[in-house]
N, C-alpha and C. Protein backbone atom coordinates (compact mmCIF):
# COMPACT_ATOMS: atom_id res chain seq x y z
N MET A 1 -40.16 87.98 2.24
CA MET A 1 -39.84 86.57 2.12
C MET A 1 -40.73 85.71 3.15
N GLY A 2 -40.43 86.60 4.35
CA GLY A 2 -40.99 86.08 5.70
C GLY A 2 -42.50 85.49 5.38
N ARG A 3 -42.99 86.72 4.72
CA ARG A 3 -44.55 86.53 4.60
C ARG A 3 -45.00 85.18 3.53
N ALA A 4 -44.08 85.14 2.50
CA ALA A 4 -44.08 83.83 1.71
C ALA A 4 -43.94 82.55 2.64
N ALA A 5 -43.18 82.27 3.44
CA ALA A 5 -42.84 81.55 4.22
C ALA A 5 -43.90 81.06 5.43
N GLY A 6 -44.28 82.04 5.88
CA GLY A 6 -45.60 81.84 6.89
C GLY A 6 -46.64 81.64 5.97
N TRP A 7 -46.69 81.88 4.91
CA TRP A 7 -48.26 81.53 3.99
C TRP A 7 -47.82 80.00 3.97
N ASN A 8 -46.71 79.47 3.17
CA ASN A 8 -46.74 78.14 3.29
C ASN A 8 -46.86 77.18 4.48
N TRP A 9 -46.58 77.91 5.67
CA TRP A 9 -46.55 76.92 7.01
C TRP A 9 -47.74 77.08 7.48
N ALA A 10 -48.60 77.92 6.90
CA ALA A 10 -50.18 77.94 7.37
C ALA A 10 -50.96 76.87 6.61
N ARG A 11 -50.34 76.92 5.05
CA ARG A 11 -50.90 76.15 4.28
C ARG A 11 -50.84 74.16 4.60
N ARG A 12 -49.36 74.42 5.15
CA ARG A 12 -49.00 72.89 5.46
C ARG A 12 -50.08 72.57 6.74
N ILE A 13 -49.85 73.66 7.73
CA ILE A 13 -50.95 73.19 9.00
C ILE A 13 -52.12 72.79 8.64
N GLY A 14 -52.77 73.44 7.59
CA GLY A 14 -54.06 73.22 6.91
C GLY A 14 -54.00 71.62 6.43
N SER A 15 -53.10 71.72 5.82
CA SER A 15 -53.27 69.77 5.41
C SER A 15 -53.05 68.95 6.35
N LEU A 16 -52.35 69.38 7.50
CA LEU A 16 -52.31 68.48 8.69
C LEU A 16 -53.85 68.16 9.29
N ARG A 17 -54.66 69.49 9.26
CA ARG A 17 -55.58 69.11 9.90
C ARG A 17 -56.69 68.07 9.28
N ARG A 18 -56.54 67.61 7.94
CA ARG A 18 -57.04 67.03 7.12
C ARG A 18 -56.54 65.22 7.43
N LEU A 19 -55.42 65.42 8.05
CA LEU A 19 -54.57 64.18 8.29
C LEU A 19 -55.41 63.16 8.75
N PRO A 20 -56.14 63.62 9.98
CA PRO A 20 -56.77 62.39 10.74
C PRO A 20 -57.70 61.63 9.90
N ALA A 21 -58.47 62.50 9.14
CA ALA A 21 -59.56 61.84 8.33
C ALA A 21 -58.84 60.90 7.27
N ALA A 22 -57.66 61.26 6.80
CA ALA A 22 -57.18 60.45 5.94
C ALA A 22 -56.47 59.07 6.41
N LEU A 23 -56.08 59.34 7.36
CA LEU A 23 -55.53 58.01 8.52
C LEU A 23 -56.73 57.27 8.67
N ALA A 24 -58.18 57.44 9.47
CA ALA A 24 -59.21 56.97 9.51
C ALA A 24 -59.70 56.03 8.51
N ALA A 25 -59.66 56.99 7.24
CA ALA A 25 -60.09 56.06 6.17
C ALA A 25 -59.16 55.19 5.55
N LEU A 26 -58.09 55.26 5.64
CA LEU A 26 -57.11 54.61 5.43
C LEU A 26 -56.88 53.23 6.74
N THR A 27 -57.26 53.48 7.89
CA THR A 27 -57.12 52.48 8.66
C THR A 27 -58.27 51.65 8.44
N ALA A 28 -59.57 51.91 7.95
CA ALA A 28 -60.88 51.54 8.03
C ALA A 28 -60.58 50.63 6.62
N LEU A 29 -59.97 50.78 5.58
CA LEU A 29 -59.41 50.15 4.45
C LEU A 29 -58.90 49.07 4.81
N LEU A 30 -57.60 49.33 5.51
CA LEU A 30 -56.78 47.97 5.61
C LEU A 30 -57.67 46.91 6.95
N VAL A 31 -58.51 47.41 7.58
CA VAL A 31 -58.85 46.26 8.26
C VAL A 31 -60.01 45.64 7.57
N ALA A 32 -61.10 46.61 6.58
CA ALA A 32 -61.80 45.80 5.59
C ALA A 32 -60.64 44.46 4.99
N GLN A 33 -59.94 45.11 4.31
CA GLN A 33 -58.91 44.02 3.58
C GLN A 33 -58.15 43.21 4.48
N ALA A 34 -58.12 43.26 5.72
CA ALA A 34 -57.69 42.06 6.51
C ALA A 34 -58.72 40.92 6.63
N CYS A 35 -59.85 41.44 7.08
CA CYS A 35 -61.34 40.98 7.34
C CYS A 35 -61.56 40.29 6.13
N SER A 36 -61.53 40.85 5.11
CA SER A 36 -62.07 40.07 3.94
C SER A 36 -61.40 38.52 3.33
N SER A 37 -59.91 38.90 3.88
CA SER A 37 -59.12 38.13 3.80
C SER A 37 -58.77 36.81 4.43
N SER A 38 -59.37 37.26 5.90
CA SER A 38 -59.42 36.19 6.83
C SER A 38 -60.84 35.20 6.62
N ILE A 39 -61.75 36.07 6.21
CA ILE A 39 -62.91 35.16 5.87
C ILE A 39 -62.26 33.98 4.46
N ALA A 40 -62.09 34.91 3.49
CA ALA A 40 -61.87 34.08 2.54
C ALA A 40 -60.78 33.02 2.66
N GLN A 41 -59.64 32.97 3.57
CA GLN A 41 -58.67 32.07 4.01
C GLN A 41 -59.75 30.70 4.57
N ARG A 42 -60.31 31.27 5.42
CA ARG A 42 -61.06 30.41 6.20
C ARG A 42 -62.28 29.32 5.61
N ARG A 43 -62.61 30.19 4.11
CA ARG A 43 -63.39 29.46 3.34
C ARG A 43 -62.50 28.35 2.44
N ALA A 44 -61.44 28.98 2.33
CA ALA A 44 -60.41 27.79 1.48
C ALA A 44 -59.77 26.73 2.10
N ASP A 45 -59.80 26.83 3.60
CA ASP A 45 -59.31 25.78 4.30
C ASP A 45 -60.16 24.73 4.92
N ASP A 46 -61.51 25.01 4.87
CA ASP A 46 -62.76 24.06 5.19
C ASP A 46 -62.65 23.39 3.96
N PRO A 47 -62.69 22.36 4.10
CA PRO A 47 -62.61 21.55 2.93
C PRO A 47 -64.73 20.91 2.64
N TYR A 48 -65.11 20.90 4.03
CA TYR A 48 -66.26 20.31 4.40
C TYR A 48 -67.44 21.58 3.82
N GLU A 49 -66.90 22.89 3.74
CA GLU A 49 -67.86 23.96 3.59
C GLU A 49 -68.02 23.95 1.89
N GLU A 50 -69.47 24.07 1.74
CA GLU A 50 -70.06 23.99 0.51
C GLU A 50 -70.73 25.41 0.19
N GLU A 51 -70.48 25.65 -1.06
CA GLU A 51 -71.37 27.08 -1.52
C GLU A 51 -73.03 26.80 -1.61
N ALA A 52 -73.47 27.94 -1.00
CA ALA A 52 -74.86 28.27 -1.29
C ALA A 52 -75.54 27.53 -2.88
N PRO A 53 -76.48 27.18 -2.63
CA PRO A 53 -77.13 26.53 -3.64
C PRO A 53 -77.50 27.65 -4.86
N SER A 54 -77.32 27.43 -5.99
CA SER A 54 -77.30 28.73 -7.11
C SER A 54 -78.61 28.27 -8.05
N ASN A 55 -79.03 27.34 -7.67
CA ASN A 55 -80.29 26.77 -8.81
C ASN A 55 -81.27 26.10 -8.15
N ALA A 56 -82.81 26.45 -8.52
CA ALA A 56 -83.57 25.42 -7.93
C ALA A 56 -84.74 25.17 -8.99
N VAL A 57 -85.29 24.25 -8.73
CA VAL A 57 -86.63 23.77 -9.73
C VAL A 57 -87.72 23.12 -8.62
N TYR A 58 -88.69 23.40 -9.20
CA TYR A 58 -89.76 23.28 -7.96
C TYR A 58 -91.15 23.56 -8.90
N GLY A 59 -92.35 22.43 -8.52
CA GLY A 59 -93.73 22.47 -8.90
C GLY A 59 -94.69 23.93 -8.02
N GLU A 60 -95.06 24.57 -8.45
CA GLU A 60 -95.91 25.75 -7.71
C GLU A 60 -97.64 25.30 -8.08
N LEU A 61 -98.38 24.96 -6.68
CA LEU A 61 -99.39 25.01 -6.94
C LEU A 61 -100.09 26.33 -6.71
N PHE A 62 -101.25 26.95 -7.30
CA PHE A 62 -101.44 28.23 -7.69
C PHE A 62 -100.86 29.31 -7.60
N GLY A 63 -100.40 30.13 -6.45
CA GLY A 63 -99.01 30.84 -6.85
C GLY A 63 -99.49 31.95 -7.80
N ASN A 64 -98.16 32.29 -8.60
CA ASN A 64 -97.83 33.59 -9.61
C ASN A 64 -98.50 32.65 -11.06
N GLY A 65 -98.38 31.32 -11.31
CA GLY A 65 -99.03 30.87 -12.60
C GLY A 65 -100.27 30.50 -12.45
N LEU A 66 -101.22 31.22 -11.34
CA LEU A 66 -102.78 30.99 -11.41
C LEU A 66 -102.95 29.47 -10.85
N LEU A 67 -102.75 28.39 -11.71
CA LEU A 67 -102.99 26.99 -11.32
C LEU A 67 -101.76 26.33 -10.65
N ALA A 68 -100.86 26.05 -11.78
CA ALA A 68 -99.52 25.36 -11.66
C ALA A 68 -98.58 25.57 -12.33
N THR A 69 -97.25 25.68 -11.72
CA THR A 69 -96.22 26.20 -12.88
C THR A 69 -95.29 25.02 -12.36
N LEU A 70 -94.30 24.66 -13.56
CA LEU A 70 -92.89 24.47 -13.32
C LEU A 70 -92.29 25.23 -13.37
N ASN A 71 -90.82 25.39 -11.94
CA ASN A 71 -90.43 26.72 -12.22
C ASN A 71 -88.70 26.40 -12.08
N TYR A 72 -87.95 27.21 -12.86
CA TYR A 72 -86.48 27.00 -12.65
C TYR A 72 -85.74 28.61 -12.24
N GLU A 73 -85.20 28.69 -11.01
CA GLU A 73 -84.72 29.60 -10.61
C GLU A 73 -83.03 29.77 -10.38
N LYS A 74 -82.54 30.80 -10.74
CA LYS A 74 -80.95 31.19 -10.83
C LYS A 74 -80.94 32.14 -9.68
N ILE A 75 -80.21 31.08 -8.70
CA ILE A 75 -79.73 32.19 -7.59
C ILE A 75 -78.40 33.11 -7.26
N ILE A 76 -78.31 34.06 -7.02
CA ILE A 76 -77.25 34.80 -7.35
C ILE A 76 -76.53 35.25 -6.11
N ASP A 77 -75.46 34.95 -5.16
CA ASP A 77 -75.19 35.01 -4.26
C ASP A 77 -76.03 34.69 -2.90
N GLY A 78 -76.88 33.83 -3.12
CA GLY A 78 -78.09 33.25 -1.98
C GLY A 78 -78.70 34.46 -1.65
N LYS A 79 -79.10 35.43 -2.28
CA LYS A 79 -79.83 36.37 -1.71
C LYS A 79 -80.71 36.81 -3.10
N ILE A 80 -80.51 36.97 -4.47
CA ILE A 80 -81.10 37.59 -5.50
C ILE A 80 -81.76 36.35 -6.35
N PHE A 81 -82.72 36.44 -6.88
CA PHE A 81 -82.71 35.07 -7.91
C PHE A 81 -83.58 35.83 -8.82
N ALA A 82 -83.49 35.22 -10.19
CA ALA A 82 -84.44 35.24 -11.64
C ALA A 82 -85.32 33.96 -11.72
N ARG A 83 -86.19 34.22 -11.89
CA ARG A 83 -87.32 32.78 -12.15
C ARG A 83 -88.11 32.76 -13.27
N PHE A 84 -88.13 31.64 -13.73
CA PHE A 84 -89.14 31.54 -15.38
C PHE A 84 -89.91 30.27 -14.88
N GLY A 85 -91.18 30.25 -14.92
CA GLY A 85 -91.89 28.94 -14.90
C GLY A 85 -92.84 29.25 -16.26
N ALA A 86 -93.25 27.80 -16.10
CA ALA A 86 -94.55 27.59 -17.32
C ALA A 86 -95.50 26.35 -17.23
N PHE A 87 -96.64 26.57 -17.71
CA PHE A 87 -97.60 25.83 -17.50
C PHE A 87 -98.50 25.87 -18.49
N CYS A 88 -99.06 24.81 -19.08
CA CYS A 88 -100.13 24.57 -20.17
C CYS A 88 -101.59 24.22 -19.64
N VAL A 89 -102.32 24.91 -19.73
CA VAL A 89 -103.84 24.35 -19.27
C VAL A 89 -104.40 23.43 -20.01
N PRO A 90 -104.80 22.43 -20.26
CA PRO A 90 -105.54 21.86 -21.32
C PRO A 90 -106.87 22.16 -21.14
N ASP A 91 -107.50 22.55 -22.21
CA ASP A 91 -108.84 23.30 -22.25
C ASP A 91 -109.90 22.83 -23.38
N LYS A 92 -110.89 22.33 -23.56
CA LYS A 92 -111.68 21.77 -24.79
C LYS A 92 -111.56 22.60 -25.63
N THR A 93 -111.61 24.18 -25.34
CA THR A 93 -112.23 25.06 -26.53
C THR A 93 -110.84 25.71 -27.12
N VAL A 94 -109.81 25.24 -26.02
CA VAL A 94 -108.47 26.51 -26.67
C VAL A 94 -107.51 25.68 -26.66
N ALA A 95 -106.75 25.48 -27.56
CA ALA A 95 -105.54 24.73 -27.55
C ALA A 95 -104.46 25.17 -26.33
N CYS A 96 -104.41 24.76 -25.34
CA CYS A 96 -103.31 24.54 -24.26
C CYS A 96 -102.85 26.22 -24.11
N PRO A 97 -103.64 27.16 -23.42
CA PRO A 97 -103.27 28.17 -23.28
C PRO A 97 -101.82 27.97 -22.25
N LEU A 98 -100.50 28.73 -22.89
CA LEU A 98 -99.73 28.97 -21.81
C LEU A 98 -99.69 30.08 -20.99
N LEU A 99 -99.44 29.77 -19.48
CA LEU A 99 -98.90 30.58 -18.66
C LEU A 99 -97.42 30.69 -18.21
N ALA A 100 -96.72 31.79 -18.12
CA ALA A 100 -95.67 31.99 -18.02
C ALA A 100 -95.24 32.88 -17.02
N PRO A 101 -94.97 32.77 -15.69
CA PRO A 101 -94.55 33.74 -14.86
C PRO A 101 -92.80 33.93 -15.11
N ILE A 102 -92.60 35.32 -15.02
CA ILE A 102 -91.14 35.77 -15.25
C ILE A 102 -90.91 36.88 -14.19
N MET A 103 -89.97 36.48 -13.21
CA MET A 103 -89.64 37.29 -11.75
C MET A 103 -88.55 37.47 -11.23
N VAL A 104 -88.21 38.30 -11.05
CA VAL A 104 -86.81 38.53 -9.90
C VAL A 104 -87.34 39.06 -8.39
N GLY A 105 -86.23 38.89 -7.80
CA GLY A 105 -86.61 39.10 -6.35
C GLY A 105 -85.39 38.77 -5.20
N TYR A 106 -85.88 38.99 -4.14
CA TYR A 106 -84.40 39.14 -3.16
C TYR A 106 -85.21 37.97 -1.82
N PHE A 107 -84.11 37.36 -1.46
CA PHE A 107 -84.28 36.54 -0.41
C PHE A 107 -83.76 37.49 0.89
N LEU A 108 -84.66 37.42 2.35
CA LEU A 108 -84.00 38.22 2.98
C LEU A 108 -83.91 37.09 4.61
N GLY A 109 -83.08 37.16 5.10
CA GLY A 109 -82.99 36.52 6.19
C GLY A 109 -81.54 35.90 6.42
N ARG A 110 -81.12 34.89 7.50
CA ARG A 110 -80.20 34.00 7.72
C ARG A 110 -80.47 32.93 7.74
N GLY A 111 -79.64 31.78 7.46
CA GLY A 111 -79.96 30.33 8.16
C GLY A 111 -80.93 29.75 6.88
N HIS A 112 -81.80 28.52 7.28
CA HIS A 112 -82.70 27.95 6.18
C HIS A 112 -84.03 29.02 6.21
N ASN A 113 -84.57 29.46 6.82
CA ASN A 113 -85.60 30.25 6.79
C ASN A 113 -85.34 31.82 6.21
N LYS A 114 -86.13 31.87 5.23
CA LYS A 114 -86.03 33.15 4.21
C LYS A 114 -87.01 33.90 3.97
N LEU A 115 -87.27 35.28 4.00
CA LEU A 115 -88.45 36.11 3.32
C LEU A 115 -88.15 36.25 2.28
N GLU A 116 -88.95 35.85 0.95
CA GLU A 116 -88.72 36.05 -0.15
C GLU A 116 -89.71 37.52 -0.85
N MET A 117 -89.44 37.80 -1.15
CA MET A 117 -89.70 39.35 -2.13
C MET A 117 -89.77 38.99 -3.42
N GLY A 118 -90.60 39.24 -4.39
CA GLY A 118 -90.12 39.29 -6.00
C GLY A 118 -91.32 39.98 -6.48
N ILE A 119 -91.00 40.48 -7.43
CA ILE A 119 -91.95 41.24 -8.89
C ILE A 119 -91.86 40.57 -10.04
N GLY A 120 -92.85 40.73 -10.60
CA GLY A 120 -92.65 40.17 -12.36
C GLY A 120 -93.89 40.43 -12.98
N GLN A 121 -93.64 39.64 -14.08
CA GLN A 121 -95.15 39.27 -14.97
C GLN A 121 -95.48 38.17 -15.19
N LEU A 122 -96.71 38.04 -15.25
CA LEU A 122 -97.50 36.73 -16.08
C LEU A 122 -97.81 36.76 -17.30
N TRP A 123 -97.02 36.08 -18.20
CA TRP A 123 -97.10 36.20 -19.36
C TRP A 123 -98.15 34.86 -20.00
N ILE A 124 -99.22 35.35 -20.66
CA ILE A 124 -100.55 34.29 -20.99
C ILE A 124 -100.73 34.22 -22.47
N TRP A 125 -100.57 33.17 -22.98
CA TRP A 125 -100.66 33.06 -24.39
C TRP A 125 -101.83 32.41 -24.48
N ASN A 126 -102.59 33.14 -25.27
CA ASN A 126 -104.23 32.86 -25.20
C ASN A 126 -104.47 32.55 -27.04
N LEU A 127 -105.01 31.49 -27.18
CA LEU A 127 -104.87 31.23 -28.73
C LEU A 127 -106.09 31.88 -29.45
N PRO A 128 -107.45 31.90 -28.45
CA PRO A 128 -108.57 32.53 -29.71
C PRO A 128 -108.17 33.88 -29.63
N LEU A 129 -107.44 34.85 -28.79
CA LEU A 129 -106.91 36.08 -28.94
C LEU A 129 -105.64 36.18 -29.59
N GLN A 130 -105.28 35.23 -30.15
CA GLN A 130 -103.98 35.50 -30.99
C GLN A 130 -102.82 36.36 -30.67
N GLY A 131 -102.87 36.27 -29.27
CA GLY A 131 -101.16 37.19 -28.48
C GLY A 131 -101.48 36.81 -27.27
N TRP A 132 -100.45 37.42 -26.59
CA TRP A 132 -100.04 37.68 -25.28
C TRP A 132 -100.71 38.46 -24.78
N ASN A 133 -101.35 38.32 -23.10
CA ASN A 133 -101.83 39.31 -22.31
C ASN A 133 -100.56 39.09 -21.37
N VAL A 134 -100.37 40.00 -20.68
CA VAL A 134 -99.33 40.41 -19.55
C VAL A 134 -100.07 40.82 -18.32
N ALA A 135 -99.90 39.94 -17.31
CA ALA A 135 -100.43 40.76 -15.79
C ALA A 135 -99.24 40.95 -15.03
N GLN A 136 -99.39 41.82 -14.12
CA GLN A 136 -98.43 42.01 -13.00
C GLN A 136 -98.70 41.17 -12.04
N THR A 137 -97.57 40.61 -11.58
CA THR A 137 -97.48 39.64 -10.42
C THR A 137 -96.51 40.15 -9.14
N ALA A 138 -96.24 39.34 -8.14
CA ALA A 138 -95.73 39.88 -7.03
C ALA A 138 -95.86 38.57 -6.16
N THR A 139 -94.63 38.32 -4.73
CA THR A 139 -94.70 37.69 -4.29
C THR A 139 -93.98 38.12 -2.94
N LEU A 140 -94.75 37.76 -1.74
CA LEU A 140 -94.26 37.93 -0.40
C LEU A 140 -94.47 36.55 0.38
N GLY A 141 -93.62 35.97 0.85
CA GLY A 141 -93.56 34.60 1.53
C GLY A 141 -92.54 34.25 2.45
N TRP A 142 -92.92 33.11 2.91
CA TRP A 142 -91.71 32.48 3.70
C TRP A 142 -91.27 31.25 2.79
N ARG A 143 -89.78 31.10 2.94
CA ARG A 143 -89.29 29.98 2.23
C ARG A 143 -88.29 29.42 3.14
N TYR A 144 -88.24 27.89 3.20
CA TYR A 144 -87.33 26.87 3.58
C TYR A 144 -86.20 26.81 2.47
N GLN A 145 -85.03 27.61 2.65
CA GLN A 145 -84.05 27.05 1.58
C GLN A 145 -82.41 26.59 2.33
N PRO A 146 -82.64 25.24 1.68
CA PRO A 146 -81.31 24.78 2.49
C PRO A 146 -79.84 25.35 2.06
N SER A 147 -78.99 25.31 3.16
CA SER A 147 -77.73 25.98 2.67
C SER A 147 -76.73 25.43 1.65
N ARG A 148 -77.38 23.86 1.61
CA ARG A 148 -76.75 22.74 0.39
C ARG A 148 -77.53 22.22 -0.21
N ALA A 149 -77.15 21.72 -1.21
CA ALA A 149 -78.50 20.95 -2.26
C ALA A 149 -79.35 20.44 -1.45
N GLY A 150 -80.53 20.39 -1.58
CA GLY A 150 -81.51 19.54 -1.29
C GLY A 150 -83.14 20.21 -1.44
N MET A 151 -83.91 19.61 -0.39
CA MET A 151 -85.42 19.85 -0.81
C MET A 151 -85.46 21.42 -0.14
N MET A 152 -86.35 22.05 -1.08
CA MET A 152 -86.73 23.74 -0.60
C MET A 152 -88.33 23.42 -0.64
N TRP A 153 -88.82 24.46 0.01
CA TRP A 153 -90.79 24.67 -0.17
C TRP A 153 -90.89 25.96 0.25
N LYS A 154 -92.25 26.39 0.07
CA LYS A 154 -92.48 27.91 0.46
C LYS A 154 -93.86 28.37 0.48
N VAL A 155 -94.31 28.92 0.89
CA VAL A 155 -95.71 29.25 1.17
C VAL A 155 -95.68 30.92 0.91
N ALA A 156 -96.59 31.50 -0.02
CA ALA A 156 -96.45 32.82 -0.11
C ALA A 156 -98.04 33.65 -0.90
N TRP A 157 -98.11 34.91 -0.22
CA TRP A 157 -99.25 35.54 -1.20
C TRP A 157 -98.83 35.61 -2.41
N THR A 158 -99.12 35.55 -3.46
CA THR A 158 -99.07 35.96 -4.43
C THR A 158 -100.04 36.61 -5.67
N PRO A 159 -100.31 38.13 -5.20
CA PRO A 159 -101.34 38.58 -6.10
C PRO A 159 -101.05 38.84 -7.47
N ILE A 160 -102.02 38.78 -8.19
CA ILE A 160 -102.07 39.19 -9.68
C ILE A 160 -102.74 39.82 -10.10
N LEU A 161 -102.25 41.09 -11.04
CA LEU A 161 -103.08 42.11 -11.47
C LEU A 161 -103.00 42.47 -12.50
N GLY A 162 -104.24 42.95 -13.18
CA GLY A 162 -104.72 43.28 -14.73
C GLY A 162 -104.51 42.45 -15.51
N ALA A 163 -105.04 41.23 -15.32
CA ALA A 163 -104.86 39.85 -16.39
C ALA A 163 -106.46 39.69 -17.07
N GLY A 164 -106.12 39.03 -17.94
CA GLY A 164 -107.40 39.07 -19.12
C GLY A 164 -107.54 39.48 -20.13
N PRO A 165 -108.44 39.30 -20.86
CA PRO A 165 -108.49 40.19 -22.03
C PRO A 165 -108.57 41.64 -22.14
N GLY A 166 -109.28 42.20 -20.71
CA GLY A 166 -109.59 43.62 -20.84
C GLY A 166 -108.51 43.72 -20.11
N GLN A 167 -107.76 43.31 -19.11
CA GLN A 167 -106.35 43.55 -18.34
C GLN A 167 -107.26 44.27 -17.65
N ASN A 168 -108.58 43.72 -17.04
CA ASN A 168 -109.17 44.45 -15.62
C ASN A 168 -109.45 43.33 -14.62
N GLU A 169 -109.26 41.88 -15.16
CA GLU A 169 -109.46 41.29 -13.92
C GLU A 169 -108.03 40.97 -13.02
N SER A 170 -108.67 40.62 -11.80
CA SER A 170 -107.45 40.70 -11.16
C SER A 170 -107.76 39.50 -10.04
N ALA A 171 -106.69 38.76 -9.06
CA ALA A 171 -106.53 38.21 -8.01
C ALA A 171 -105.73 38.50 -6.65
N PRO A 172 -106.27 40.16 -6.05
CA PRO A 172 -105.10 40.46 -5.32
C PRO A 172 -105.08 39.37 -4.13
N ILE A 173 -106.00 38.50 -3.42
CA ILE A 173 -105.86 37.53 -2.50
C ILE A 173 -105.57 35.94 -3.15
N TRP A 174 -104.18 35.61 -3.35
CA TRP A 174 -104.01 34.44 -4.01
C TRP A 174 -103.02 34.23 -3.50
N LEU A 175 -103.08 33.06 -2.87
CA LEU A 175 -101.89 32.12 -2.28
C LEU A 175 -101.10 31.16 -3.10
N GLY A 176 -99.75 30.59 -2.67
CA GLY A 176 -99.41 29.53 -3.76
C GLY A 176 -98.40 28.57 -2.64
N VAL A 177 -98.18 27.38 -2.86
CA VAL A 177 -97.27 26.80 -2.13
C VAL A 177 -96.60 25.90 -3.39
N ALA A 178 -95.01 25.53 -2.66
CA ALA A 178 -94.09 25.04 -3.79
C ALA A 178 -93.38 24.32 -3.12
N SER A 179 -92.68 23.08 -4.00
CA SER A 179 -91.70 22.52 -3.08
C SER A 179 -91.14 21.82 -4.50
N GLY A 180 -89.67 21.46 -4.26
CA GLY A 180 -88.70 21.24 -5.09
C GLY A 180 -87.30 20.69 -4.43
N PHE A 181 -86.39 21.07 -5.91
CA PHE A 181 -85.14 20.52 -5.18
C PHE A 181 -84.03 21.89 -5.77
N THR A 182 -83.03 22.17 -5.02
CA THR A 182 -82.14 23.06 -4.93
C THR A 182 -80.66 22.62 -4.99
N TRP A 183 -79.96 23.13 -5.74
CA TRP A 183 -78.33 22.60 -5.94
C TRP A 183 -77.42 23.71 -6.05
């Protein structure tokens, strides 16, 4: 009986050794909860603070759509974006080929100045070929993104790889500029 009681006592001491780690985890959880509640309360109390813009419409010259595109972006949590653009290139021999960049990306930075990074595809509808060609594209550049609704602009390196009928045409050194409105 003494042996069984001693075994239980040792087992309890082993459980107590894990207690500091459990207390540290519980304390961290409570501090995180208090901080998030404090920030949420401060945001709710400030009637002048607006949410960061979650939409953008802009025109881009050169860039991911080769010549020019009109683009719409959905911005999630001020950091992640999904983009769709389109442009029809009038041509005498081709009935308006369509260029459509479709991308996802990420904004890095605080305040108005952001590093914009994105990847995606440039869809090209070419009537003589009776179908879609797809090229790979990316964005790496600077973007002025206001914290409230207003004008935005950006300058970026926008390489285009694997375009054209044989998927062997590329524009690895390609730059774009854009300006538009965000809300």
